[in-house]
Amino acid sequence: MDDQKHSVFQELVKLAVLVWSAAMLTSSYMGFFQKMDPTFIASLLSGTLASYGISRSQNGNGDNKPKEKKE
């Protein structure tokens, strides 16, 4: 039972970081914080999304290698 409580707490913390970082980044881009550097908050957001298995796609073709030109 203690392991289940730990898992729920862990998910709640990740969710809180996700919501907070998304809200801070959005408010920064909307102009509410003129002197805030969004780099750290963006890294928190991308790290939290990665912990849920969500990542940014590359090139739209599914692989990370650039297409080679055929001559």
PDB file of N, CA and C in Angstrom:
ATOM      1  N   MET A   1       0.820  -1.194   0.000  1.00  0.00           N
ATOM      2  CA  MET A   1       0.000   0.000   0.000  1.00  0.00           C
ATOM      3  C   MET A   1       0.864   1.258   0.000  1.00  0.00           C
ATOM      4  N   ASP A   2       1.999   1.211   0.700  1.00  0.00           N
ATOM      5  CA  ASP A   2       2.880   2.372   0.769  1.00  0.00           C
ATOM      6  C   ASP A   2       3.477   2.673  -0.604  1.00  0.00           C
ATOM      7  N   ASP A   3       3.778   1.629  -1.384  1.00  0.00           N
ATOM      8  CA  ASP A   3       4.325   1.818  -2.724  1.00  0.00           C
ATOM      9  C   ASP A   3       3.301   2.482  -3.645  1.00  0.00           C
ATOM     10  N   GLN A   4       2.040   2.140  -3.473  1.00  0.00           N
ATOM     11  CA  GLN A   4       0.978   2.744  -4.275  1.00  0.00           C
ATOM     12  C   GLN A   4       0.826   4.232  -3.931  1.00  0.00           C
ATOM     13  N   LYS A   5       0.922   4.592  -2.658  1.00  0.00           N
ATOM     14  CA  LYS A   5       0.841   6.000  -2.258  1.00  0.00           C
ATOM     15  C   LYS A   5       2.011   6.787  -2.831  1.00  0.00           C
ATOM     16  N   HIS A   6       3.187   6.180  -2.835  1.00  0.00           N
ATOM     17  CA  HIS A   6       4.367   6.827  -3.383  1.00  0.00           C
ATOM     18  C   HIS A   6       4.192   7.080  -4.876  1.00  0.00           C
ATOM     19  N   SER A   7       3.639   6.115  -5.588  1.00  0.00           N
ATOM     20  CA  SER A   7       3.418   6.252  -7.021  1.00  0.00           C
ATOM     21  C   SER A   7       2.408   7.359  -7.325  1.00  0.00           C
ATOM     22  N   VAL A   8       1.340   7.428  -6.554  1.00  0.00           N
ATOM     23  CA  VAL A   8       0.333   8.478  -6.748  1.00  0.00           C
ATOM     24  C   VAL A   8       0.935   9.844  -6.456  1.00  0.00           C
ATOM     25  N   PHE A   9       1.711   9.956  -5.387  1.00  0.00           N
ATOM     26  CA  PHE A   9       2.360  11.219  -5.054  1.00  0.00           C
ATOM     27  C   PHE A   9       3.325  11.642  -6.159  1.00  0.00           C
ATOM     28  N   GLN A  10       4.058  10.688  -6.694  1.00  0.00           N
ATOM     29  CA  GLN A  10       5.007  10.972  -7.766  1.00  0.00           C
ATOM     30  C   GLN A  10       4.285  11.508  -9.007  1.00  0.00           C
ATOM     31  N   GLU A  11       3.177  10.911  -9.356  1.00  0.00           N
ATOM     32  CA  GLU A  11       2.401  11.376 -10.513  1.00  0.00           C
ATOM     33  C   GLU A  11       1.807  12.762 -10.265  1.00  0.00           C
ATOM     34  N   LEU A  12       1.368  13.024  -9.038  1.00  0.00           N
ATOM     35  CA  LEU A  12       0.815  14.344  -8.721  1.00  0.00           C
ATOM     36  C   LEU A  12       1.888  15.429  -8.808  1.00  0.00           C
ATOM     37  N   VAL A  13       3.086  15.129  -8.374  1.00  0.00           N
ATOM     38  CA  VAL A  13       4.175  16.101  -8.467  1.00  0.00           C
ATOM     39  C   VAL A  13       4.515  16.366  -9.929  1.00  0.00           C
ATOM     40  N   LYS A  14       4.602  15.321 -10.754  1.00  0.00           N
ATOM     41  CA  LYS A  14       4.879  15.513 -12.173  1.00  0.00           C
ATOM     42  C   LYS A  14       3.782  16.327 -12.848  1.00  0.00           C
ATOM     43  N   LEU A  15       2.546  16.071 -12.492  1.00  0.00           N
ATOM     44  CA  LEU A  15       1.429  16.817 -13.061  1.00  0.00           C
ATOM     45  C   LEU A  15       1.471  18.283 -12.637  1.00  0.00           C
ATOM     46  N   ALA A  16       1.816  18.532 -11.371  1.00  0.00           N
ATOM     47  CA  ALA A  16       1.921  19.906 -10.881  1.00  0.00           C
ATOM     48  C   ALA A  16       3.031  20.664 -11.596  1.00  0.00           C
ATOM     49  N   VAL A  17       4.171  20.025 -11.806  1.00  0.00           N
ATOM     50  CA  VAL A  17       5.277  20.660 -12.535  1.00  0.00           C
ATOM     51  C   VAL A  17       4.873  20.922 -13.978  1.00  0.00           C
ATOM     52  N   LEU A  18       4.154  19.992 -14.579  1.00  0.00           N
ATOM     53  CA  LEU A  18       3.699  20.155 -15.954  1.00  0.00           C
ATOM     54  C   LEU A  18       2.764  21.354 -16.091  1.00  0.00           C
ATOM     55  N   VAL A  19       1.774  21.439 -15.214  1.00  0.00           N
ATOM     56  CA  VAL A  19       0.807  22.535 -15.268  1.00  0.00           C
ATOM     57  C   VAL A  19       1.490  23.868 -14.973  1.00  0.00           C
ATOM     58  N   TRP A  20       2.341  23.905 -13.947  1.00  0.00           N
ATOM     59  CA  TRP A  20       3.015  25.145 -13.576  1.00  0.00           C
ATOM     60  C   TRP A  20       3.924  25.638 -14.700  1.00  0.00           C
ATOM     61  N   SER A  21       4.729  24.742 -15.259  1.00  0.00           N
ATOM     62  CA  SER A  21       5.662  25.164 -16.296  1.00  0.00           C
ATOM     63  C   SER A  21       4.923  25.597 -17.567  1.00  0.00           C
ATOM     64  N   ALA A  22       3.840  24.917 -17.914  1.00  0.00           N
ATOM     65  CA  ALA A  22       3.058  25.332 -19.084  1.00  0.00           C
ATOM     66  C   ALA A  22       2.421  26.703 -18.852  1.00  0.00           C
ATOM     67  N   ALA A  23       1.920  26.943 -17.650  1.00  0.00           N
ATOM     68  CA  ALA A  23       1.311  28.238 -17.338  1.00  0.00           C
ATOM     69  C   ALA A  23       2.345  29.358 -17.345  1.00  0.00           C
ATOM     70  N   MET A  24       3.513  29.116 -16.774  1.00  0.00           N
ATOM     71  CA  MET A  24       4.558  30.138 -16.741  1.00  0.00           C
ATOM     72  C   MET A  24       5.083  30.435 -18.143  1.00  0.00           C
ATOM     73  N   LEU A  25       5.275  29.409 -18.945  1.00  0.00           N
ATOM     74  CA  LEU A  25       5.771  29.609 -20.298  1.00  0.00           C
ATOM     75  C   LEU A  25       4.737  30.353 -21.146  1.00  0.00           C
ATOM     76  N   THR A  26       3.489  29.985 -21.018  1.00  0.00           N
ATOM     77  CA  THR A  26       2.430  30.670 -21.759  1.00  0.00           C
ATOM     78  C   THR A  26       2.320  32.128 -21.347  1.00  0.00           C
ATOM     79  N   SER A  27       2.351  32.396 -20.049  1.00  0.00           N
ATOM     80  CA  SER A  27       2.249  33.785 -19.594  1.00  0.00           C
ATOM     81  C   SER A  27       3.475  34.596 -20.010  1.00  0.00           C
ATOM     82  N   SER A  28       4.633  33.955 -20.102  1.00  0.00           N
ATOM     83  CA  SER A  28       5.827  34.645 -20.579  1.00  0.00           C
ATOM     84  C   SER A  28       5.675  35.035 -22.038  1.00  0.00           C
ATOM     85  N   TYR A  29       5.168  34.120 -22.860  1.00  0.00           N
ATOM     86  CA  TYR A  29       4.987  34.416 -24.277  1.00  0.00           C
ATOM     87  C   TYR A  29       3.861  35.425 -24.511  1.00  0.00           C
ATOM     88  N   MET A  30       2.922  35.505 -23.599  1.00  0.00           N
ATOM     89  CA  MET A  30       1.840  36.485 -23.721  1.00  0.00           C
ATOM     90  C   MET A  30       2.271  37.874 -23.271  1.00  0.00           C
ATOM     91  N   GLY A  31       3.443  37.987 -22.658  1.00  0.00           N
ATOM     92  CA  GLY A  31       3.974  39.284 -22.292  1.00  0.00           C
ATOM     93  C   GLY A  31       3.753  39.692 -20.858  1.00  0.00           C
ATOM     94  N   PHE A  32       3.293  38.792 -20.011  1.00  0.00           N
ATOM     95  CA  PHE A  32       3.079  39.133 -18.606  1.00  0.00           C
ATOM     96  C   PHE A  32       4.395  39.266 -17.841  1.00  0.00           C
ATOM     97  N   PHE A  33       5.424  38.533 -18.270  1.00  0.00           N
ATOM     98  CA  PHE A  33       6.738  38.609 -17.641  1.00  0.00           C
ATOM     99  C   PHE A  33       7.749  39.043 -18.704  1.00  0.00           C
ATOM    100  N   GLN A  34       8.093  40.322 -18.730  1.00  0.00           N
ATOM    101  CA  GLN A  34       8.999  40.817 -19.748  1.00  0.00           C
ATOM    102  C   GLN A  34      10.445  40.395 -19.509  1.00  0.00           C
ATOM    103  N   LYS A  35      10.877  40.269 -18.280  1.00  0.00           N
ATOM    104  CA  LYS A  35      12.291  40.003 -18.001  1.00  0.00           C
ATOM    105  C   LYS A  35      12.570  38.551 -17.613  1.00  0.00           C
ATOM    106  N   MET A  36      11.666  37.658 -17.904  1.00  0.00           N
ATOM    107  CA  MET A  36      11.873  36.260 -17.545  1.00  0.00           C
ATOM    108  C   MET A  36      12.497  35.516 -18.726  1.00  0.00           C
ATOM    109  N   ASP A  37      13.526  34.719 -18.448  1.00  0.00           N
ATOM    110  CA  ASP A  37      14.140  33.875 -19.461  1.00  0.00           C
ATOM    111  C   ASP A  37      13.394  32.539 -19.491  1.00  0.00           C
ATOM    112  N   PRO A  38      12.710  32.221 -20.576  1.00  0.00           N
ATOM    113  CA  PRO A  38      11.874  31.015 -20.615  1.00  0.00           C
ATOM    114  C   PRO A  38      12.637  29.714 -20.846  1.00  0.00           C
ATOM    115  N   THR A  39      13.957  29.766 -20.965  1.00  0.00           N
ATOM    116  CA  THR A  39      14.722  28.569 -21.305  1.00  0.00           C
ATOM    117  C   THR A  39      14.623  27.490 -20.237  1.00  0.00           C
ATOM    118  N   PHE A  40      14.798  27.866 -18.974  1.00  0.00           N
ATOM    119  CA  PHE A  40      14.737  26.883 -17.893  1.00  0.00           C
ATOM    120  C   PHE A  40      13.339  26.274 -17.775  1.00  0.00           C
ATOM    121  N   ILE A  41      12.328  27.116 -17.873  1.00  0.00           N
ATOM    122  CA  ILE A  41      10.956  26.619 -17.751  1.00  0.00           C
ATOM    123  C   ILE A  41      10.601  25.726 -18.936  1.00  0.00           C
ATOM    124  N   ALA A  42      11.079  26.062 -20.115  1.00  0.00           N
ATOM    125  CA  ALA A  42      10.840  25.211 -21.282  1.00  0.00           C
ATOM    126  C   ALA A  42      11.518  23.853 -21.127  1.00  0.00           C
ATOM    127  N   SER A  43      12.701  23.838 -20.507  1.00  0.00           N
ATOM    128  CA  SER A  43      13.367  22.550 -20.289  1.00  0.00           C
ATOM    129  C   SER A  43      12.615  21.712 -19.251  1.00  0.00           C
ATOM    130  N   LEU A  44      12.051  22.367 -18.232  1.00  0.00           N
ATOM    131  CA  LEU A  44      11.221  21.624 -17.275  1.00  0.00           C
ATOM    132  C   LEU A  44       9.987  21.042 -17.959  1.00  0.00           C
ATOM    133  N   LEU A  45       9.359  21.837 -18.814  1.00  0.00           N
ATOM    134  CA  LEU A  45       8.176  21.370 -19.526  1.00  0.00           C
ATOM    135  C   LEU A  45       8.511  20.200 -20.437  1.00  0.00           C
ATOM    136  N   SER A  46       9.585  20.303 -21.212  1.00  0.00           N
ATOM    137  CA  SER A  46       9.929  19.204 -22.115  1.00  0.00           C
ATOM    138  C   SER A  46      10.381  17.955 -21.355  1.00  0.00           C
ATOM    139  N   GLY A  47      11.068  18.144 -20.230  1.00  0.00           N
ATOM    140  CA  GLY A  47      11.464  16.990 -19.421  1.00  0.00           C
ATOM    141  C   GLY A  47      10.280  16.277 -18.801  1.00  0.00           C
ATOM    142  N   THR A  48       9.318  17.049 -18.337  1.00  0.00           N
ATOM    143  CA  THR A  48       8.124  16.443 -17.755  1.00  0.00           C
ATOM    144  C   THR A  48       7.301  15.733 -18.811  1.00  0.00           C
ATOM    145  N   LEU A  49       7.174  16.344 -19.985  1.00  0.00           N
ATOM    146  CA  LEU A  49       6.461  15.671 -21.072  1.00  0.00           C
ATOM    147  C   LEU A  49       7.175  14.394 -21.501  1.00  0.00           C
ATOM    148  N   ALA A  50       8.500  14.417 -21.489  1.00  0.00           N
ATOM    149  CA  ALA A  50       9.262  13.217 -21.842  1.00  0.00           C
ATOM    150  C   ALA A  50       9.049  12.100 -20.827  1.00  0.00           C
ATOM    151  N   SER A  51       8.829  12.464 -19.559  1.00  0.00           N
ATOM    152  CA  SER A  51       8.576  11.421 -18.558  1.00  0.00           C
ATOM    153  C   SER A  51       7.235  10.729 -18.791  1.00  0.00           C
ATOM    154  N   TYR A  52       6.341  11.410 -19.515  1.00  0.00           N
ATOM    155  CA  TYR A  52       5.071  10.788 -19.904  1.00  0.00           C
ATOM    156  C   TYR A  52       5.157  10.118 -21.276  1.00  0.00           C
ATOM    157  N   GLY A  53       6.309  10.185 -21.911  1.00  0.00           N
ATOM    158  CA  GLY A  53       6.496   9.542 -23.207  1.00  0.00           C
ATOM    159  C   GLY A  53       6.123  10.423 -24.379  1.00  0.00           C
ATOM    160  N   ILE A  54       5.989  11.713 -24.173  1.00  0.00           N
ATOM    161  CA  ILE A  54       5.629  12.638 -25.240  1.00  0.00           C
ATOM    162  C   ILE A  54       6.882  13.394 -25.648  1.00  0.00           C
ATOM    163  N   SER A  55       7.195  13.366 -26.942  1.00  0.00           N
ATOM    164  CA  SER A  55       8.371  14.090 -27.426  1.00  0.00           C
ATOM    165  C   SER A  55       8.052  14.754 -28.752  1.00  0.00           C
ATOM    166  N   ARG A  56       8.916  15.650 -29.141  1.00  0.00           N
ATOM    167  CA  ARG A  56       8.756  16.405 -30.377  1.00  0.00           C
ATOM    168  C   ARG A  56       9.181  15.529 -31.546  1.00  0.00           C
ATOM    169  N   SER A  57       8.418  15.567 -32.641  1.00  0.00           N
ATOM    170  CA  SER A  57       8.780  14.755 -33.806  1.00  0.00           C
ATOM    171  C   SER A  57       9.767  15.512 -34.676  1.00  0.00           C
ATOM    172  N   GLN A  58      10.518  14.769 -35.456  1.00  0.00           N
ATOM    173  CA  GLN A  58      11.546  15.332 -36.333  1.00  0.00           C
ATOM    174  C   GLN A  58      11.134  15.175 -37.787  1.00  0.00           C
ATOM    175  N   ASN A  59      11.268  16.190 -38.582  1.00  0.00           N
ATOM    176  CA  ASN A  59      11.153  16.177 -40.048  1.00  0.00           C
ATOM    177  C   ASN A  59       9.834  15.660 -40.613  1.00  0.00           C
ATOM    178  N   GLY A  60       8.970  15.096 -39.852  1.00  0.00           N
ATOM    179  CA  GLY A  60       7.720  14.580 -40.370  1.00  0.00           C
ATOM    180  C   GLY A  60       7.837  13.242 -41.075  1.00  0.00           C
ATOM    181  N   ASN A  61       9.058  12.720 -41.271  1.00  0.00           N
ATOM    182  CA  ASN A  61       9.192  11.438 -41.953  1.00  0.00           C
ATOM    183  C   ASN A  61       9.496  10.293 -40.994  1.00  0.00           C
ATOM    184  N   GLY A  62       9.539  10.571 -39.702  1.00  0.00           N
ATOM    185  CA  GLY A  62       9.668   9.514 -38.720  1.00  0.00           C
ATOM    186  C   GLY A  62      11.072   9.160 -38.295  1.00  0.00           C
ATOM    187  N   ASP A  63      12.076   9.621 -39.020  1.00  0.00           N
ATOM    188  CA  ASP A  63      13.435   9.328 -38.592  1.00  0.00           C
ATOM    189  C   ASP A  63      14.195  10.643 -38.391  1.00  0.00           C
ATOM    190  N   ASN A  64      15.334  10.562 -37.759  1.00  0.00           N
ATOM    191  CA  ASN A  64      16.109  11.759 -37.441  1.00  0.00           C
ATOM    192  C   ASN A  64      17.178  12.056 -38.485  1.00  0.00           C
ATOM    193  N   LYS A  65      17.293  11.213 -39.501  1.00  0.00           N
ATOM    194  CA  LYS A  65      18.315  11.403 -40.518  1.00  0.00           C
ATOM    195  C   LYS A  65      17.768  12.302 -41.629  1.00  0.00           C
ATOM    196  N   PRO A  66      18.569  13.248 -42.107  1.00  0.00           N
ATOM    197  CA  PRO A  66      18.106  14.067 -43.223  1.00  0.00           C
ATOM    198  C   PRO A  66      18.014  13.227 -44.498  1.00  0.00           C
ATOM    199  N   LYS A  67      17.100  13.615 -45.369  1.00  0.00           N
ATOM    200  CA  LYS A  67      16.938  12.888 -46.634  1.00  0.00           C
ATOM    201  C   LYS A  67      18.131  13.154 -47.534  1.00  0.00           C
ATOM    202  N   GLU A  68      18.565  12.088 -48.213  1.00  0.00           N
ATOM    203  CA  GLU A  68      19.668  12.235 -49.152  1.00  0.00           C
ATOM    204  C   GLU A  68      19.099  12.569 -50.524  1.00  0.00           C
ATOM    205  N   LYS A  69      19.787  13.455 -51.223  1.00  0.00           N
ATOM    206  CA  LYS A  69      19.348  13.820 -52.567  1.00  0.00           C
ATOM    207  C   LYS A  69      19.800  12.765 -53.565  1.00  0.00           C
ATOM    208  N   LYS A  70      18.892  12.372 -54.433  1.00  0.00           N
ATOM    209  CA  LYS A  70      19.225  11.422 -55.480  1.00  0.00           C
ATOM    210  C   LYS A  70      19.655  12.187 -56.719  1.00  0.00           C
ATOM    211  N   GLU A  71      20.731  11.746 -57.328  1.00  0.00           N
ATOM    212  CA  GLU A  71      21.252  12.434 -58.507  1.00  0.00           C
ATOM    213  C   GLU A  71      20.841  11.762 -59.760  1.00  0.00           C
TER     214      GLU A  71
END
